[in-house]
């Protein structure tokens, strides 16, 4: 018998949590900045609705991927406890709510193929428990996520592009202005927007969310 509330109650409850006075949303396991042996990162997230404290650069890379994924509406970090047996439980890295109201649970590891037998067993049990509640379980590793340089670039563009709350009209106007033009660099986009009297920061927003492209380049291989 589980020592914790029913799984779906935990998940629904996690998405009802409001940020504290510092803007942080803490889950079932509180992650503190500067913990020994961990590269903790504070990430102010629109889809979290507050500041998430992440335990590694890989978790930051995954959080940015969730921010870019249009199917993801909200997510929480370290939000729930899943009882595996009488003595053990897991606290997954991410709980996700999708646009179709389905839920997913994600775990981020450095290498899936190098998981220990103990961890493989724990995640097998986790997957079965979640499946019984119609929740998808997925594991991600560094082969599926951005590297350090790419993550830093995405974080910079995310931070600039989300400095303001853009209205639907502002987004539509910027897209219509830019979509018929060709650009080789982000600086060219900034200049074009500024010359039109449009705040150039919206260019970073549009690039981050794949609303506009730069001459068939990806966000990682075009020049600034």
N, C-alpha and C. Protein backbone atom coordinates (compact mmCIF):
# COMPACT_ATOMS: atom_id res chain seq x y z
N UNK A 1 0.85 -1.19 0.00
CA UNK A 1 0.00 0.00 0.00
C UNK A 1 0.89 1.24 0.00
N UNK A 2 0.55 2.23 -0.80
CA UNK A 2 1.38 3.41 -0.94
C UNK A 2 1.29 4.31 0.28
N UNK A 3 2.42 4.91 0.63
CA UNK A 3 2.46 5.89 1.71
C UNK A 3 2.10 7.28 1.22
N UNK A 4 1.88 7.42 -0.09
CA UNK A 4 1.64 8.73 -0.69
C UNK A 4 0.23 8.80 -1.26
N UNK A 5 -0.27 10.00 -1.52
CA UNK A 5 -1.60 10.15 -2.12
C UNK A 5 -1.67 9.45 -3.48
N UNK A 6 -2.87 9.13 -3.96
CA UNK A 6 -3.01 8.52 -5.29
C UNK A 6 -2.26 9.32 -6.34
N UNK A 7 -1.70 8.60 -7.30
CA UNK A 7 -0.81 9.21 -8.27
C UNK A 7 -1.45 10.37 -9.03
N UNK A 8 -2.65 10.15 -9.55
CA UNK A 8 -3.30 11.21 -10.33
C UNK A 8 -3.65 12.40 -9.45
N UNK A 9 -3.95 12.15 -8.19
CA UNK A 9 -4.20 13.27 -7.26
C UNK A 9 -2.93 14.09 -7.07
N UNK A 10 -1.79 13.40 -6.98
CA UNK A 10 -0.52 14.12 -6.86
C UNK A 10 -0.25 14.97 -8.09
N UNK A 11 -0.49 14.38 -9.26
CA UNK A 11 -0.22 15.12 -10.51
C UNK A 11 -1.13 16.33 -10.63
N UNK A 12 -2.41 16.14 -10.42
CA UNK A 12 -3.34 17.27 -10.51
C UNK A 12 -3.00 18.33 -9.47
N UNK A 13 -2.64 17.88 -8.28
CA UNK A 13 -2.28 18.82 -7.23
C UNK A 13 -1.04 19.61 -7.57
N UNK A 14 -0.10 18.96 -8.24
CA UNK A 14 1.15 19.64 -8.60
C UNK A 14 0.89 20.82 -9.52
N UNK A 15 -0.08 20.67 -10.43
CA UNK A 15 -0.37 21.74 -11.37
C UNK A 15 -1.24 22.84 -10.77
N UNK A 16 -1.71 22.64 -9.55
CA UNK A 16 -2.47 23.68 -8.86
C UNK A 16 -1.59 24.53 -7.96
N UNK A 17 -0.35 24.09 -7.75
CA UNK A 17 0.53 24.82 -6.84
C UNK A 17 0.87 26.20 -7.42
N UNK A 18 0.83 27.18 -6.55
CA UNK A 18 1.21 28.55 -6.94
C UNK A 18 2.64 28.81 -6.46
N UNK A 19 3.35 29.70 -7.13
CA UNK A 19 4.71 30.03 -6.69
C UNK A 19 4.72 30.70 -5.32
N UNK A 20 5.82 30.51 -4.59
CA UNK A 20 5.95 31.19 -3.31
C UNK A 20 6.36 32.65 -3.51
N UNK A 21 6.66 33.35 -2.43
CA UNK A 21 6.97 34.77 -2.54
C UNK A 21 8.22 35.04 -3.37
N UNK A 22 9.10 34.03 -3.45
CA UNK A 22 10.31 34.16 -4.25
C UNK A 22 10.09 33.78 -5.71
N UNK A 23 8.86 33.37 -6.04
CA UNK A 23 8.54 32.98 -7.40
C UNK A 23 8.85 31.54 -7.73
N UNK A 24 9.25 30.76 -6.72
CA UNK A 24 9.63 29.35 -6.95
C UNK A 24 8.46 28.42 -6.70
N UNK A 25 8.43 27.33 -7.44
CA UNK A 25 7.44 26.27 -7.22
C UNK A 25 8.20 25.00 -6.85
N UNK A 26 8.03 24.56 -5.62
CA UNK A 26 8.74 23.38 -5.14
C UNK A 26 7.82 22.16 -5.19
N UNK A 27 8.40 21.01 -5.45
CA UNK A 27 7.63 19.79 -5.57
C UNK A 27 7.81 18.86 -4.38
N UNK A 28 7.71 17.56 -4.66
CA UNK A 28 7.83 16.56 -3.61
C UNK A 28 9.26 16.48 -3.08
N UNK A 29 10.22 16.84 -3.92
CA UNK A 29 11.62 16.90 -3.49
C UNK A 29 12.13 18.29 -3.76
N UNK A 30 12.54 18.97 -2.72
CA UNK A 30 13.01 20.35 -2.89
C UNK A 30 14.48 20.35 -3.26
N UNK A 31 14.79 20.98 -4.37
CA UNK A 31 16.17 21.08 -4.85
C UNK A 31 16.71 22.44 -4.46
N UNK A 32 17.83 22.44 -3.79
CA UNK A 32 18.43 23.69 -3.34
C UNK A 32 19.63 24.03 -4.22
N UNK A 33 19.77 25.32 -4.50
CA UNK A 33 20.91 25.77 -5.28
C UNK A 33 22.21 25.48 -4.54
N UNK A 34 23.23 25.12 -5.32
CA UNK A 34 24.55 24.93 -4.74
C UNK A 34 24.76 23.63 -4.01
N UNK A 35 23.84 22.66 -4.22
CA UNK A 35 24.02 21.37 -3.58
C UNK A 35 25.31 20.71 -4.06
N UNK A 36 26.05 20.15 -3.12
CA UNK A 36 27.32 19.54 -3.46
C UNK A 36 27.12 18.39 -4.46
N UNK A 37 27.94 18.39 -5.51
CA UNK A 37 27.89 17.33 -6.50
C UNK A 37 26.83 17.53 -7.56
N UNK A 38 26.09 18.64 -7.51
CA UNK A 38 25.03 18.88 -8.49
C UNK A 38 25.22 20.25 -9.14
N UNK A 39 24.95 20.32 -10.46
CA UNK A 39 25.02 21.59 -11.18
C UNK A 39 23.62 22.19 -11.24
N UNK A 40 23.15 22.66 -10.09
CA UNK A 40 21.79 23.18 -10.01
C UNK A 40 21.66 24.48 -10.79
N UNK A 41 20.49 24.65 -11.41
CA UNK A 41 20.21 25.82 -12.22
C UNK A 41 18.81 26.34 -11.91
N UNK A 42 18.68 27.65 -11.74
CA UNK A 42 17.38 28.27 -11.55
C UNK A 42 16.87 28.74 -12.91
N UNK A 43 15.67 28.29 -13.27
CA UNK A 43 15.13 28.60 -14.59
C UNK A 43 13.73 29.19 -14.46
N UNK A 44 13.57 30.48 -14.78
CA UNK A 44 12.24 31.10 -14.77
C UNK A 44 11.46 30.66 -16.01
N UNK A 45 10.44 29.84 -15.80
CA UNK A 45 9.75 29.19 -16.91
C UNK A 45 8.33 29.68 -17.06
N UNK A 46 7.95 29.99 -18.30
CA UNK A 46 6.57 30.38 -18.58
C UNK A 46 5.62 29.20 -18.37
N UNK A 47 6.04 28.01 -18.78
CA UNK A 47 5.13 26.86 -18.70
C UNK A 47 5.06 26.27 -17.29
N UNK A 48 6.04 26.57 -16.46
CA UNK A 48 5.94 26.21 -15.05
C UNK A 48 5.09 27.25 -14.32
N UNK A 49 5.18 28.49 -14.78
CA UNK A 49 4.45 29.56 -14.12
C UNK A 49 5.21 30.12 -12.93
N UNK A 50 6.50 29.88 -12.92
CA UNK A 50 7.35 30.34 -11.83
C UNK A 50 8.77 29.86 -12.09
N UNK A 51 9.58 29.88 -11.05
CA UNK A 51 10.96 29.47 -11.18
C UNK A 51 11.12 28.00 -10.80
N UNK A 52 11.72 27.24 -11.70
CA UNK A 52 12.03 25.83 -11.44
C UNK A 52 13.52 25.71 -11.12
N UNK A 53 13.85 24.92 -10.11
CA UNK A 53 15.24 24.64 -9.81
C UNK A 53 15.59 23.26 -10.36
N UNK A 54 16.53 23.23 -11.29
CA UNK A 54 16.89 22.01 -12.00
C UNK A 54 18.22 21.49 -11.47
N UNK A 55 18.39 20.17 -11.53
CA UNK A 55 19.54 19.55 -10.88
C UNK A 55 20.75 19.35 -11.79
N UNK A 56 20.60 19.66 -13.07
CA UNK A 56 21.72 19.44 -13.99
C UNK A 56 21.53 20.25 -15.25
N UNK A 57 22.60 20.37 -16.02
CA UNK A 57 22.50 21.02 -17.32
C UNK A 57 21.62 20.23 -18.28
N UNK A 58 21.61 18.92 -18.14
CA UNK A 58 20.75 18.10 -18.99
C UNK A 58 19.28 18.38 -18.69
N UNK A 59 18.95 18.57 -17.41
CA UNK A 59 17.58 18.90 -17.07
C UNK A 59 17.20 20.27 -17.63
N UNK A 60 18.14 21.21 -17.63
CA UNK A 60 17.88 22.51 -18.24
C UNK A 60 17.62 22.35 -19.74
N UNK A 61 18.42 21.53 -20.41
CA UNK A 61 18.23 21.28 -21.84
C UNK A 61 16.84 20.69 -22.09
N UNK A 62 16.41 19.78 -21.22
CA UNK A 62 15.09 19.18 -21.40
C UNK A 62 13.99 20.20 -21.13
N UNK A 63 14.17 21.04 -20.12
CA UNK A 63 13.18 22.07 -19.83
C UNK A 63 13.00 23.01 -21.03
N UNK A 64 14.10 23.38 -21.67
CA UNK A 64 14.01 24.24 -22.84
C UNK A 64 13.30 23.53 -23.99
N UNK A 65 13.53 22.23 -24.13
CA UNK A 65 12.82 21.46 -25.15
C UNK A 65 11.32 21.45 -24.88
N UNK A 66 10.94 21.34 -23.61
CA UNK A 66 9.52 21.38 -23.26
C UNK A 66 8.92 22.76 -23.54
N UNK A 67 9.71 23.81 -23.29
CA UNK A 67 9.23 25.16 -23.59
C UNK A 67 8.96 25.33 -25.08
N UNK A 68 9.76 24.68 -25.92
CA UNK A 68 9.62 24.81 -27.38
C UNK A 68 8.53 23.90 -27.95
N UNK A 69 8.14 22.87 -27.21
CA UNK A 69 7.19 21.88 -27.71
C UNK A 69 5.77 22.45 -27.63
N UNK A 70 5.11 22.68 -28.77
CA UNK A 70 3.78 23.29 -28.74
C UNK A 70 2.71 22.40 -28.11
N UNK A 71 2.99 21.10 -27.99
CA UNK A 71 2.01 20.19 -27.39
C UNK A 71 2.04 20.23 -25.87
N UNK A 72 3.11 20.77 -25.30
CA UNK A 72 3.24 20.83 -23.84
C UNK A 72 2.64 22.14 -23.35
N UNK A 73 1.65 22.02 -22.45
CA UNK A 73 0.99 23.21 -21.89
C UNK A 73 1.67 23.64 -20.60
N UNK A 74 1.88 22.70 -19.70
CA UNK A 74 2.51 22.98 -18.41
C UNK A 74 3.45 21.83 -18.05
N UNK A 75 4.39 22.10 -17.18
CA UNK A 75 5.17 21.02 -16.58
C UNK A 75 5.63 21.43 -15.19
N UNK A 76 5.98 20.43 -14.40
CA UNK A 76 6.50 20.63 -13.06
C UNK A 76 7.75 19.76 -12.88
N UNK A 77 8.62 20.16 -11.97
CA UNK A 77 9.84 19.40 -11.71
C UNK A 77 9.80 18.81 -10.30
N UNK A 78 10.28 17.57 -10.18
CA UNK A 78 10.36 16.87 -8.88
C UNK A 78 9.03 16.96 -8.12
N UNK A 79 7.94 16.74 -8.84
CA UNK A 79 6.63 17.10 -8.32
C UNK A 79 5.89 15.99 -7.58
N UNK A 80 6.20 14.73 -7.89
CA UNK A 80 5.42 13.63 -7.32
C UNK A 80 6.33 12.52 -6.80
N UNK A 81 5.76 11.69 -5.93
CA UNK A 81 6.46 10.51 -5.43
C UNK A 81 5.70 9.26 -5.86
N UNK A 82 6.42 8.32 -6.44
CA UNK A 82 5.81 7.07 -6.91
C UNK A 82 6.33 5.93 -6.06
N UNK A 83 5.44 5.29 -5.34
CA UNK A 83 5.82 4.17 -4.46
C UNK A 83 6.09 2.93 -5.30
N UNK A 84 7.30 2.37 -5.17
CA UNK A 84 7.66 1.16 -5.92
C UNK A 84 7.42 -0.10 -5.10
N UNK A 85 7.73 -0.04 -3.82
CA UNK A 85 7.49 -1.13 -2.89
C UNK A 85 7.42 -0.54 -1.50
N UNK A 86 7.44 -1.38 -0.48
CA UNK A 86 7.27 -0.89 0.88
C UNK A 86 8.38 0.06 1.31
N UNK A 87 9.56 -0.11 0.73
CA UNK A 87 10.71 0.66 1.21
C UNK A 87 11.26 1.68 0.21
N UNK A 88 10.79 1.65 -1.01
CA UNK A 88 11.41 2.53 -2.00
C UNK A 88 10.38 3.29 -2.84
N UNK A 89 10.82 4.44 -3.31
CA UNK A 89 9.98 5.26 -4.17
C UNK A 89 10.90 6.06 -5.09
N UNK A 90 10.31 6.65 -6.14
CA UNK A 90 11.06 7.52 -7.04
C UNK A 90 10.37 8.88 -7.11
N UNK A 91 11.17 9.90 -7.34
CA UNK A 91 10.66 11.25 -7.60
C UNK A 91 11.12 11.63 -8.99
N UNK A 92 10.27 11.47 -10.00
CA UNK A 92 10.69 11.75 -11.38
C UNK A 92 11.07 13.21 -11.59
N UNK A 93 11.88 13.45 -12.61
CA UNK A 93 12.37 14.79 -12.88
C UNK A 93 11.27 15.73 -13.36
N UNK A 94 10.42 15.25 -14.27
CA UNK A 94 9.41 16.13 -14.88
C UNK A 94 8.05 15.44 -14.93
N UNK A 95 7.02 16.23 -14.68
CA UNK A 95 5.63 15.83 -14.93
C UNK A 95 5.07 16.83 -15.93
N UNK A 96 4.46 16.32 -17.00
CA UNK A 96 4.03 17.17 -18.12
C UNK A 96 2.52 17.05 -18.32
N UNK A 97 1.89 18.18 -18.58
CA UNK A 97 0.49 18.19 -19.01
C UNK A 97 0.44 18.66 -20.45
N UNK A 98 -0.14 17.85 -21.32
CA UNK A 98 -0.20 18.15 -22.74
C UNK A 98 -1.49 18.87 -23.11
N UNK A 99 -1.53 19.37 -24.32
CA UNK A 99 -2.68 20.14 -24.78
C UNK A 99 -3.96 19.31 -24.89
N UNK A 100 -3.81 17.97 -24.98
CA UNK A 100 -4.98 17.10 -25.01
C UNK A 100 -5.38 16.61 -23.62
N UNK A 101 -4.81 17.24 -22.58
CA UNK A 101 -5.07 16.93 -21.17
C UNK A 101 -4.47 15.60 -20.72
N UNK A 102 -3.62 15.00 -21.55
CA UNK A 102 -2.92 13.80 -21.11
C UNK A 102 -1.69 14.20 -20.29
N UNK A 103 -1.18 13.23 -19.52
CA UNK A 103 -0.02 13.47 -18.68
C UNK A 103 1.14 12.57 -19.10
N UNK A 104 2.33 13.08 -18.91
CA UNK A 104 3.54 12.29 -19.11
C UNK A 104 4.48 12.53 -17.94
N UNK A 105 5.32 11.55 -17.70
CA UNK A 105 6.39 11.67 -16.70
C UNK A 105 7.71 11.41 -17.40
N UNK A 106 8.66 12.32 -17.23
CA UNK A 106 9.96 12.20 -17.89
C UNK A 106 11.08 12.11 -16.86
N UNK A 107 12.05 11.27 -17.16
CA UNK A 107 13.27 11.17 -16.37
C UNK A 107 14.44 11.50 -17.29
N UNK A 108 15.39 12.27 -16.79
CA UNK A 108 16.55 12.66 -17.59
C UNK A 108 17.81 12.04 -16.97
N UNK A 109 18.51 11.25 -17.78
CA UNK A 109 19.74 10.58 -17.33
C UNK A 109 20.86 10.91 -18.31
N UNK A 110 22.09 10.77 -17.86
CA UNK A 110 23.22 11.06 -18.75
C UNK A 110 23.33 10.04 -19.88
N UNK A 111 23.01 8.78 -19.58
CA UNK A 111 23.12 7.72 -20.60
C UNK A 111 22.12 6.61 -20.31
N UNK A 112 21.23 6.37 -21.25
CA UNK A 112 20.24 5.30 -21.08
C UNK A 112 20.90 3.93 -21.17
N UNK A 113 21.81 3.78 -22.14
CA UNK A 113 22.41 2.44 -22.34
C UNK A 113 23.32 2.04 -21.19
N UNK A 114 23.75 2.99 -20.39
CA UNK A 114 24.63 2.68 -19.26
C UNK A 114 23.91 2.67 -17.92
N UNK A 115 22.59 2.61 -17.95
CA UNK A 115 21.85 2.50 -16.71
C UNK A 115 22.21 1.21 -15.98
N UNK A 116 22.29 1.27 -14.68
CA UNK A 116 22.56 0.07 -13.89
C UNK A 116 21.34 -0.84 -13.91
N UNK A 117 21.53 -2.09 -13.59
CA UNK A 117 20.40 -3.03 -13.53
C UNK A 117 19.39 -2.59 -12.49
N UNK A 118 19.88 -2.03 -11.39
CA UNK A 118 18.99 -1.53 -10.35
C UNK A 118 18.10 -0.43 -10.90
N UNK A 119 18.70 0.52 -11.63
CA UNK A 119 17.91 1.61 -12.19
C UNK A 119 16.95 1.12 -13.27
N UNK A 120 17.40 0.18 -14.10
CA UNK A 120 16.51 -0.38 -15.12
C UNK A 120 15.29 -1.01 -14.48
N UNK A 121 15.51 -1.73 -13.40
CA UNK A 121 14.41 -2.37 -12.69
C UNK A 121 13.46 -1.33 -12.09
N UNK A 122 14.03 -0.31 -11.49
CA UNK A 122 13.22 0.76 -10.90
C UNK A 122 12.38 1.47 -11.96
N UNK A 123 12.96 1.72 -13.12
CA UNK A 123 12.22 2.44 -14.15
C UNK A 123 11.20 1.54 -14.84
N UNK A 124 11.48 0.25 -14.91
CA UNK A 124 10.48 -0.69 -15.43
C UNK A 124 9.24 -0.68 -14.55
N UNK A 125 9.47 -0.72 -13.24
CA UNK A 125 8.35 -0.69 -12.31
C UNK A 125 7.63 0.65 -12.36
N UNK A 126 8.39 1.72 -12.49
CA UNK A 126 7.80 3.05 -12.60
C UNK A 126 6.89 3.13 -13.83
N UNK A 127 7.38 2.62 -14.96
CA UNK A 127 6.60 2.66 -16.19
C UNK A 127 5.29 1.89 -16.05
N UNK A 128 5.33 0.73 -15.41
CA UNK A 128 4.12 -0.08 -15.24
C UNK A 128 3.10 0.62 -14.34
N UNK A 129 3.60 1.23 -13.26
CA UNK A 129 2.69 1.93 -12.34
C UNK A 129 2.04 3.11 -13.05
N UNK A 130 2.83 3.86 -13.80
CA UNK A 130 2.28 5.01 -14.52
C UNK A 130 1.30 4.56 -15.61
N UNK A 131 1.64 3.49 -16.33
CA UNK A 131 0.76 2.99 -17.38
C UNK A 131 -0.60 2.59 -16.83
N UNK A 132 -0.62 2.06 -15.62
CA UNK A 132 -1.89 1.66 -14.99
C UNK A 132 -2.76 2.88 -14.67
N UNK A 133 -2.14 4.05 -14.71
CA UNK A 133 -2.87 5.31 -14.50
C UNK A 133 -2.99 6.12 -15.79
N UNK A 134 -2.71 5.45 -16.92
CA UNK A 134 -2.77 6.10 -18.24
C UNK A 134 -1.83 7.29 -18.36
N UNK A 135 -0.66 7.16 -17.74
CA UNK A 135 0.37 8.19 -17.82
C UNK A 135 1.58 7.60 -18.54
N UNK A 136 2.08 8.29 -19.54
CA UNK A 136 3.22 7.83 -20.32
C UNK A 136 4.52 8.14 -19.58
N UNK A 137 5.43 7.18 -19.58
CA UNK A 137 6.74 7.37 -18.97
C UNK A 137 7.82 7.31 -20.04
N UNK A 138 8.71 8.30 -20.03
CA UNK A 138 9.79 8.35 -21.01
C UNK A 138 11.09 8.75 -20.32
N UNK A 139 12.19 8.17 -20.81
CA UNK A 139 13.53 8.53 -20.32
C UNK A 139 14.28 9.20 -21.46
N UNK A 140 14.96 10.30 -21.15
CA UNK A 140 15.77 11.04 -22.12
C UNK A 140 17.21 11.06 -21.63
N UNK A 141 18.14 11.09 -22.60
CA UNK A 141 19.54 11.24 -22.22
C UNK A 141 20.23 12.25 -23.14
N UNK A 142 21.54 12.39 -22.95
CA UNK A 142 22.28 13.44 -23.65
C UNK A 142 22.27 13.28 -25.17
N UNK A 143 22.01 12.07 -25.66
CA UNK A 143 21.96 11.88 -27.11
C UNK A 143 20.71 12.50 -27.73
N UNK A 144 19.70 12.78 -26.92
CA UNK A 144 18.44 13.33 -27.41
C UNK A 144 18.28 14.82 -27.09
N UNK A 145 19.26 15.37 -26.37
CA UNK A 145 19.13 16.74 -25.90
C UNK A 145 20.26 17.62 -26.45
N UNK A 146 20.10 18.92 -26.32
CA UNK A 146 21.11 19.84 -26.81
C UNK A 146 22.38 19.76 -25.94
N UNK A 147 23.52 20.03 -26.57
CA UNK A 147 24.76 20.06 -25.82
C UNK A 147 24.88 21.39 -25.07
N UNK A 148 25.98 21.57 -24.33
CA UNK A 148 26.13 22.76 -23.49
C UNK A 148 26.06 24.06 -24.30
N UNK A 149 26.78 24.11 -25.41
CA UNK A 149 26.80 25.33 -26.23
C UNK A 149 25.42 25.62 -26.80
N UNK A 150 24.74 24.59 -27.29
CA UNK A 150 23.41 24.77 -27.85
C UNK A 150 22.41 25.20 -26.77
N UNK A 151 22.53 24.60 -25.60
CA UNK A 151 21.64 24.94 -24.49
C UNK A 151 21.83 26.39 -24.07
N UNK A 152 23.09 26.84 -23.99
CA UNK A 152 23.36 28.23 -23.64
C UNK A 152 22.75 29.18 -24.66
N UNK A 153 22.85 28.81 -25.94
CA UNK A 153 22.29 29.67 -26.99
C UNK A 153 20.76 29.72 -26.89
N UNK A 154 20.15 28.57 -26.69
CA UNK A 154 18.70 28.54 -26.54
C UNK A 154 18.25 29.35 -25.32
N UNK A 155 18.98 29.21 -24.22
CA UNK A 155 18.62 29.93 -23.00
C UNK A 155 18.70 31.44 -23.21
N UNK A 156 19.72 31.89 -23.93
CA UNK A 156 19.87 33.32 -24.22
C UNK A 156 18.70 33.82 -25.07
N UNK A 157 18.35 33.06 -26.11
CA UNK A 157 17.24 33.46 -26.98
C UNK A 157 15.92 33.40 -26.22
N UNK A 158 15.74 32.38 -25.40
CA UNK A 158 14.53 32.26 -24.58
C UNK A 158 14.39 33.46 -23.65
N UNK A 159 15.48 33.82 -22.98
CA UNK A 159 15.45 34.91 -22.01
C UNK A 159 15.10 36.24 -22.67
N UNK A 160 15.70 36.51 -23.84
CA UNK A 160 15.39 37.74 -24.57
C UNK A 160 13.95 37.73 -25.09
N UNK A 161 13.56 36.60 -25.66
CA UNK A 161 12.26 36.53 -26.31
C UNK A 161 11.08 36.52 -25.36
N UNK A 162 11.33 36.19 -24.08
CA UNK A 162 10.24 36.12 -23.12
C UNK A 162 10.34 37.21 -22.06
N UNK A 163 11.02 38.28 -22.41
CA UNK A 163 11.12 39.41 -21.48
C UNK A 163 9.78 40.09 -21.30
N UNK A 164 8.95 40.02 -22.34
CA UNK A 164 7.62 40.63 -22.29
C UNK A 164 6.56 39.59 -22.65
N UNK A 165 5.33 39.89 -22.29
CA UNK A 165 4.19 39.07 -22.69
C UNK A 165 3.66 39.63 -24.01
N UNK A 166 3.98 38.94 -25.10
CA UNK A 166 3.54 39.41 -26.41
C UNK A 166 2.08 39.07 -26.63
N UNK A 167 1.33 40.02 -27.18
CA UNK A 167 -0.07 39.75 -27.50
C UNK A 167 -0.15 38.96 -28.80
N UNK A 168 -1.31 38.35 -29.03
CA UNK A 168 -1.52 37.61 -30.28
C UNK A 168 -1.36 38.53 -31.48
N UNK A 169 -1.81 39.76 -31.34
CA UNK A 169 -1.71 40.72 -32.45
C UNK A 169 -0.24 41.06 -32.72
N UNK A 170 0.56 41.26 -31.69
CA UNK A 170 1.98 41.56 -31.89
C UNK A 170 2.69 40.39 -32.58
N UNK A 171 2.37 39.18 -32.16
CA UNK A 171 3.00 38.00 -32.76
C UNK A 171 2.59 37.87 -34.23
N UNK A 172 1.28 38.03 -34.50
CA UNK A 172 0.78 37.93 -35.87
C UNK A 172 1.42 39.00 -36.76
N UNK A 173 1.49 40.23 -36.26
CA UNK A 173 2.05 41.34 -37.05
C UNK A 173 3.51 41.08 -37.39
N UNK A 174 4.28 40.61 -36.40
CA UNK A 174 5.70 40.35 -36.63
C UNK A 174 5.90 39.21 -37.62
N UNK A 175 5.10 38.16 -37.50
CA UNK A 175 5.23 37.02 -38.41
C UNK A 175 4.90 37.46 -39.84
N UNK A 176 3.82 38.19 -40.01
CA UNK A 176 3.42 38.62 -41.35
C UNK A 176 4.48 39.52 -41.98
N UNK A 177 5.12 40.34 -41.16
CA UNK A 177 6.16 41.22 -41.68
C UNK A 177 7.40 40.43 -42.09
N UNK A 178 7.75 39.41 -41.32
CA UNK A 178 9.01 38.70 -41.55
C UNK A 178 8.90 37.54 -42.54
N UNK A 179 7.72 36.92 -42.67
CA UNK A 179 7.64 35.65 -43.37
C UNK A 179 7.96 35.72 -44.86
N UNK A 180 7.82 36.88 -45.45
CA UNK A 180 8.09 37.00 -46.89
C UNK A 180 9.53 37.42 -47.17
N UNK A 181 10.33 37.55 -46.13
CA UNK A 181 11.70 38.02 -46.29
C UNK A 181 12.69 36.91 -45.97
N UNK A 182 13.91 37.06 -46.47
CA UNK A 182 14.96 36.07 -46.24
C UNK A 182 16.02 36.68 -45.31
N UNK A 183 16.45 35.89 -44.34
CA UNK A 183 17.44 36.36 -43.38
C UNK A 183 18.54 35.32 -43.22
N UNK A 184 19.75 35.83 -43.02
CA UNK A 184 20.90 34.94 -42.79
C UNK A 184 21.34 34.92 -41.34
N UNK A 185 20.95 35.94 -40.58
CA UNK A 185 21.37 36.02 -39.18
C UNK A 185 20.23 36.56 -38.33
N UNK A 186 20.34 36.33 -37.03
CA UNK A 186 19.36 36.88 -36.11
C UNK A 186 19.48 38.40 -36.06
N UNK A 187 20.69 38.91 -36.22
CA UNK A 187 20.88 40.37 -36.23
C UNK A 187 20.11 41.03 -37.36
N UNK A 188 20.03 40.35 -38.50
CA UNK A 188 19.26 40.89 -39.62
C UNK A 188 17.78 40.97 -39.26
N UNK A 189 17.29 39.98 -38.55
CA UNK A 189 15.90 40.00 -38.10
C UNK A 189 15.67 41.15 -37.14
N UNK A 190 16.59 41.31 -36.20
CA UNK A 190 16.48 42.41 -35.24
C UNK A 190 16.43 43.76 -35.97
N UNK A 191 17.32 43.95 -36.93
CA UNK A 191 17.38 45.23 -37.66
C UNK A 191 16.11 45.48 -38.44
N UNK A 192 15.60 44.44 -39.12
CA UNK A 192 14.38 44.60 -39.91
C UNK A 192 13.20 44.98 -39.03
N UNK A 193 13.08 44.32 -37.89
CA UNK A 193 11.97 44.64 -36.97
C UNK A 193 12.10 46.06 -36.43
N UNK A 194 13.31 46.42 -36.01
CA UNK A 194 13.52 47.77 -35.45
C UNK A 194 13.21 48.85 -36.48
N UNK A 195 13.62 48.62 -37.73
CA UNK A 195 13.36 49.60 -38.79
C UNK A 195 11.88 49.76 -39.07
N UNK A 196 11.11 48.70 -38.75
CA UNK A 196 9.66 48.74 -38.96
C UNK A 196 8.95 49.29 -37.72
N UNK A 197 9.71 49.60 -36.68
CA UNK A 197 9.10 50.10 -35.44
C UNK A 197 8.55 49.00 -34.56
N UNK A 198 9.02 47.76 -34.78
CA UNK A 198 8.58 46.61 -33.99
C UNK A 198 9.71 46.23 -33.03
N UNK A 199 9.38 45.95 -31.79
CA UNK A 199 10.39 45.58 -30.80
C UNK A 199 11.16 44.36 -31.30
N UNK A 200 12.49 44.48 -31.38
CA UNK A 200 13.26 43.39 -31.97
C UNK A 200 13.32 42.15 -31.09
N UNK A 201 12.96 42.25 -29.82
CA UNK A 201 12.98 41.08 -28.93
C UNK A 201 11.95 40.03 -29.36
N UNK A 202 10.91 40.47 -30.06
CA UNK A 202 9.91 39.50 -30.51
C UNK A 202 10.52 38.55 -31.54
N UNK A 203 11.60 38.98 -32.20
CA UNK A 203 12.30 38.09 -33.13
C UNK A 203 12.86 36.88 -32.42
N UNK A 204 13.40 37.09 -31.22
CA UNK A 204 13.93 35.96 -30.44
C UNK A 204 12.80 35.02 -30.04
N UNK A 205 11.66 35.57 -29.67
CA UNK A 205 10.50 34.76 -29.33
C UNK A 205 10.08 33.89 -30.50
N UNK A 206 10.01 34.49 -31.68
CA UNK A 206 9.56 33.75 -32.87
C UNK A 206 10.56 32.68 -33.28
N UNK A 207 11.85 32.99 -33.17
CA UNK A 207 12.88 32.00 -33.48
C UNK A 207 12.83 30.84 -32.49
N UNK A 208 12.73 31.16 -31.21
CA UNK A 208 12.72 30.12 -30.18
C UNK A 208 11.58 29.14 -30.41
N UNK A 209 10.42 29.65 -30.78
CA UNK A 209 9.23 28.81 -30.94
C UNK A 209 9.03 28.34 -32.38
N UNK A 210 10.07 28.45 -33.21
CA UNK A 210 10.01 27.95 -34.58
C UNK A 210 8.91 28.59 -35.42
N UNK A 211 8.60 29.86 -35.12
CA UNK A 211 7.58 30.56 -35.90
C UNK A 211 8.16 31.13 -37.20
N UNK A 212 9.47 31.39 -37.19
CA UNK A 212 10.15 31.87 -38.39
C UNK A 212 11.48 31.13 -38.52
N UNK A 213 12.03 31.14 -39.73
CA UNK A 213 13.27 30.41 -40.01
C UNK A 213 14.32 31.36 -40.55
N UNK A 214 15.56 30.90 -40.52
CA UNK A 214 16.67 31.68 -41.10
C UNK A 214 17.30 30.85 -42.21
N UNK A 215 16.87 31.10 -43.44
CA UNK A 215 17.46 30.48 -44.64
C UNK A 215 17.84 29.01 -44.48
N UNK A 216 16.84 28.22 -44.10
CA UNK A 216 17.00 26.76 -43.98
C UNK A 216 18.01 26.33 -42.93
N UNK A 217 18.46 27.27 -42.09
CA UNK A 217 19.40 26.92 -41.02
C UNK A 217 18.61 26.54 -39.77
N UNK A 218 19.25 25.80 -38.88
CA UNK A 218 18.64 25.52 -37.59
C UNK A 218 19.04 26.62 -36.62
N UNK A 219 18.43 26.61 -35.48
CA UNK A 219 18.72 27.63 -34.47
C UNK A 219 20.16 27.54 -33.98
N UNK A 220 20.83 26.42 -34.27
CA UNK A 220 22.17 26.20 -33.75
C UNK A 220 23.30 26.47 -34.73
N UNK A 221 23.00 26.57 -36.04
CA UNK A 221 24.11 26.72 -36.96
C UNK A 221 24.12 28.02 -37.75
N UNK A 222 23.16 28.94 -37.43
CA UNK A 222 23.26 30.22 -38.10
C UNK A 222 24.04 31.20 -37.24
N UNK A 223 24.55 32.22 -37.90
CA UNK A 223 25.38 33.21 -37.21
C UNK A 223 24.46 34.21 -36.49
N UNK A 224 24.99 34.77 -35.41
CA UNK A 224 24.23 35.77 -34.66
C UNK A 224 24.10 37.05 -35.45
